Amino acid sequence: MCTSPAGFFNPKGERICKTKKQNQSNSQQHKKSIWTPVVHFAAHTFVGSLLFVIVGAPAVGLSMLVHALEAAHLDGFTLEVLAFLEHAILLADAGLFLTYLVVTAIKSVKEMWK
């Protein structure tokens, strides 16, 4: 039974009707808890932190390698290049992690206001 006398029509001209019960079940499906965005943000932050550690691990490894090579009295230019790479990896990783957190926080706030 249609809720309006005219009903609704699809592009083919067929009549489409939703009952009140169908409309209520659809509206209940769209209701989310206030904690849903918070849980999403926490999960994304946890996964992002794991990725930060995984990507940052080579920078730590390079740092240890630079210190070991310094003790072995290796050429200064080689040490400078390795130290530069260490810093570049760490800065890029930290910058991308912060960007990821900001974007995730913005999406969570938008999800709260829906």
C-alpha atoms as a PDB file:
ATOM      1  CA  MET A   1       0.000   0.000   0.000  1.00  0.00           C
ATOM      2  CA  CYS A   2       1.423   3.379  -1.009  1.00  0.00           C
ATOM      3  CA  THR A   3       1.637   6.239   1.470  1.00  0.00           C
ATOM      4  CA  SER A   4       0.757   8.767  -1.234  1.00  0.00           C
ATOM      5  CA  PRO A   5      -2.150   8.447  -3.665  1.00  0.00           C
ATOM      6  CA  ALA A   6       0.026   8.921  -6.725  1.00  0.00           C
ATOM      7  CA  GLY A   7       2.804   6.614  -5.544  1.00  0.00           C
ATOM      8  CA  PHE A   8       6.292   6.708  -6.944  1.00  0.00           C
ATOM      9  CA  PHE A   9       7.355   5.703 -10.434  1.00  0.00           C
ATOM     10  CA  ASN A  10      10.707   4.439 -11.705  1.00  0.00           C
ATOM     11  CA  PRO A  11      12.126   5.497 -15.115  1.00  0.00           C
ATOM     12  CA  LYS A  12      10.289   2.605 -16.805  1.00  0.00           C
ATOM     13  CA  GLY A  13       6.967   3.945 -15.557  1.00  0.00           C
ATOM     14  CA  GLU A  14       6.402   1.131 -13.064  1.00  0.00           C
ATOM     15  CA  ARG A  15       4.798   2.041  -9.780  1.00  0.00           C
ATOM     16  CA  ILE A  16       7.062   1.764  -6.746  1.00  0.00           C
ATOM     17  CA  CYS A  17       5.711   1.985  -3.231  1.00  0.00           C
ATOM     18  CA  LYS A  18       7.299   1.699   0.179  1.00  0.00           C
ATOM     19  CA  THR A  19       5.236   0.845   3.175  1.00  0.00           C
ATOM     20  CA  LYS A  20       5.574   2.722   6.441  1.00  0.00           C
ATOM     21  CA  LYS A  21       7.269  -0.325   7.934  1.00  0.00           C
ATOM     22  CA  GLN A  22       9.932  -0.299   5.179  1.00  0.00           C
ATOM     23  CA  ASN A  23      10.510   3.424   5.691  1.00  0.00           C
ATOM     24  CA  GLN A  24      10.949   2.916   9.453  1.00  0.00           C
ATOM     25  CA  SER A  25      13.426   0.062   8.963  1.00  0.00           C
ATOM     26  CA  ASN A  26      15.449   2.204   6.536  1.00  0.00           C
ATOM     27  CA  SER A  27      15.616   5.088   9.010  1.00  0.00           C
ATOM     28  CA  GLN A  28      16.699   2.745  11.803  1.00  0.00           C
ATOM     29  CA  GLN A  29      19.540   1.420   9.640  1.00  0.00           C
ATOM     30  CA  HIS A  30      20.952   4.947   9.240  1.00  0.00           C
ATOM     31  CA  LYS A  31      20.974   5.701  12.978  1.00  0.00           C
ATOM     32  CA  LYS A  32      24.476   5.249  14.348  1.00  0.00           C
ATOM     33  CA  SER A  33      25.807   5.444  17.835  1.00  0.00           C
ATOM     34  CA  ILE A  34      27.780   8.519  18.810  1.00  0.00           C
ATOM     35  CA  TRP A  35      30.658   6.155  19.564  1.00  0.00           C
ATOM     36  CA  THR A  36      30.923   4.884  15.973  1.00  0.00           C
ATOM     37  CA  PRO A  37      33.122   7.779  14.753  1.00  0.00           C
ATOM     38  CA  VAL A  38      35.223   7.569  17.925  1.00  0.00           C
ATOM     39  CA  VAL A  39      35.823   3.852  17.391  1.00  0.00           C
ATOM     40  CA  HIS A  40      36.654   4.469  13.718  1.00  0.00           C
ATOM     41  CA  PHE A  41      39.139   7.171  14.687  1.00  0.00           C
ATOM     42  CA  ALA A  42      40.747   4.944  17.328  1.00  0.00           C
ATOM     43  CA  ALA A  43      41.071   2.044  14.891  1.00  0.00           C
ATOM     44  CA  HIS A  44      42.522   4.258  12.157  1.00  0.00           C
ATOM     45  CA  THR A  45      44.951   5.816  14.635  1.00  0.00           C
ATOM     46  CA  PHE A  46      46.101   2.374  15.801  1.00  0.00           C
ATOM     47  CA  VAL A  47      46.645   1.125  12.247  1.00  0.00           C
ATOM     48  CA  GLY A  48      48.350   4.391  11.281  1.00  0.00           C
ATOM     49  CA  SER A  49      50.662   4.079  14.275  1.00  0.00           C
ATOM     50  CA  LEU A  50      51.626   0.562  13.245  1.00  0.00           C
ATOM     51  CA  LEU A  51      52.392   1.772   9.735  1.00  0.00           C
ATOM     52  CA  PHE A  52      54.429   4.645  11.178  1.00  0.00           C
ATOM     53  CA  VAL A  53      56.546   2.182  13.148  1.00  0.00           C
ATOM     54  CA  ILE A  54      56.988  -0.116  10.143  1.00  0.00           C
ATOM     55  CA  VAL A  55      58.038   2.714   7.828  1.00  0.00           C
ATOM     56  CA  GLY A  56      60.169   4.374  10.537  1.00  0.00           C
ATOM     57  CA  ALA A  57      62.083   1.189  11.360  1.00  0.00           C
ATOM     58  CA  PRO A  58      64.505   1.590   8.413  1.00  0.00           C
ATOM     59  CA  ALA A  59      65.390   5.077   9.695  1.00  0.00           C
ATOM     60  CA  VAL A  60      66.305   3.572  13.055  1.00  0.00           C
ATOM     61  CA  GLY A  61      68.283   0.868  11.261  1.00  0.00           C
ATOM     62  CA  LEU A  62      70.152   3.497   9.241  1.00  0.00           C
ATOM     63  CA  SER A  63      70.942   5.405  12.411  1.00  0.00           C
ATOM     64  CA  MET A  64      72.445   2.303  13.987  1.00  0.00           C
ATOM     65  CA  LEU A  65      74.375   1.613  10.784  1.00  0.00           C
ATOM     66  CA  VAL A  66      75.760   5.168  10.701  1.00  0.00           C
ATOM     67  CA  HIS A  67      76.973   4.860  14.303  1.00  0.00           C
ATOM     68  CA  ALA A  68      78.583   1.486  13.575  1.00  0.00           C
ATOM     69  CA  LEU A  69      80.295   2.846  10.462  1.00  0.00           C
ATOM     70  CA  GLU A  70      81.517   5.906  12.374  1.00  0.00           C
ATOM     71  CA  ALA A  71      83.174   3.552  14.834  1.00  0.00           C
ATOM     72  CA  ALA A  72      84.799   1.768  11.864  1.00  0.00           C
ATOM     73  CA  HIS A  73      86.164   5.155  10.629  1.00  0.00           C
ATOM     74  CA  LEU A  74      84.404   5.051   7.257  1.00  0.00           C
ATOM     75  CA  ASP A  75      84.561   7.966   4.799  1.00  0.00           C
ATOM     76  CA  GLY A  76      82.705  11.075   6.014  1.00  0.00           C
ATOM     77  CA  PHE A  77      80.735  11.639   2.795  1.00  0.00           C
ATOM     78  CA  THR A  78      79.214   8.148   2.942  1.00  0.00           C
ATOM     79  CA  LEU A  79      78.165   8.756   6.536  1.00  0.00           C
ATOM     80  CA  GLU A  80      76.630  12.106   5.620  1.00  0.00           C
ATOM     81  CA  VAL A  81      74.600  10.544   2.789  1.00  0.00           C
ATOM     82  CA  LEU A  82      73.345   7.747   5.053  1.00  0.00           C
ATOM     83  CA  ALA A  83      72.511  10.234   7.813  1.00  0.00           C
ATOM     84  CA  PHE A  84      70.644  12.415   5.281  1.00  0.00           C
ATOM     85  CA  LEU A  85      68.622   9.399   4.131  1.00  0.00           C
ATOM     86  CA  GLU A  86      67.856   8.512   7.736  1.00  0.00           C
ATOM     87  CA  HIS A  87      66.544  12.015   8.435  1.00  0.00           C
ATOM     88  CA  ALA A  88      64.601  12.174   5.146  1.00  0.00           C
ATOM     89  CA  ILE A  89      62.830   8.871   5.843  1.00  0.00           C
ATOM     90  CA  LEU A  90      61.979   9.881   9.387  1.00  0.00           C
ATOM     91  CA  LEU A  91      60.702  13.353   8.442  1.00  0.00           C
ATOM     92  CA  ALA A  92      58.602  12.043   5.546  1.00  0.00           C
ATOM     93  CA  ASP A  93      57.167   9.318   7.757  1.00  0.00           C
ATOM     94  CA  ALA A  94      56.299  11.744  10.552  1.00  0.00           C
ATOM     95  CA  GLY A  95      54.781  14.274   8.137  1.00  0.00           C
ATOM     96  CA  LEU A  96      52.607  11.681   6.442  1.00  0.00           C
ATOM     97  CA  PHE A  97      51.529  10.257   9.808  1.00  0.00           C
ATOM     98  CA  LEU A  98      50.462  13.683  11.064  1.00  0.00           C
ATOM     99  CA  THR A  99      48.610  14.359   7.807  1.00  0.00           C
ATOM    100  CA  TYR A 100      46.850  11.007   8.132  1.00  0.00           C
ATOM    101  CA  LEU A 101      45.796  11.804  11.710  1.00  0.00           C
ATOM    102  CA  VAL A 102      44.429  15.225  10.734  1.00  0.00           C
ATOM    103  CA  VAL A 103      42.464  13.829   7.773  1.00  0.00           C
ATOM    104  CA  THR A 104      41.095  10.992   9.914  1.00  0.00           C
ATOM    105  CA  ALA A 105      40.099  13.425  12.664  1.00  0.00           C
ATOM    106  CA  ILE A 106      38.288  15.667  10.163  1.00  0.00           C
ATOM    107  CA  LYS A 107      36.417  12.679   8.723  1.00  0.00           C
ATOM    108  CA  SER A 108      35.448  11.556  12.238  1.00  0.00           C
ATOM    109  CA  VAL A 109      34.093  14.993  13.133  1.00  0.00           C
ATOM    110  CA  LYS A 110      32.104  15.087   9.883  1.00  0.00           C
ATOM    111  CA  GLU A 111      30.740  11.625  10.640  1.00  0.00           C
ATOM    112  CA  MET A 112      29.644  12.818  14.105  1.00  0.00           C
ATOM    113  CA  TRP A 113      27.659  15.681  12.596  1.00  0.00           C
ATOM    114  CA  LYS A 114      25.710  13.489  10.163  1.00  0.00           C
END
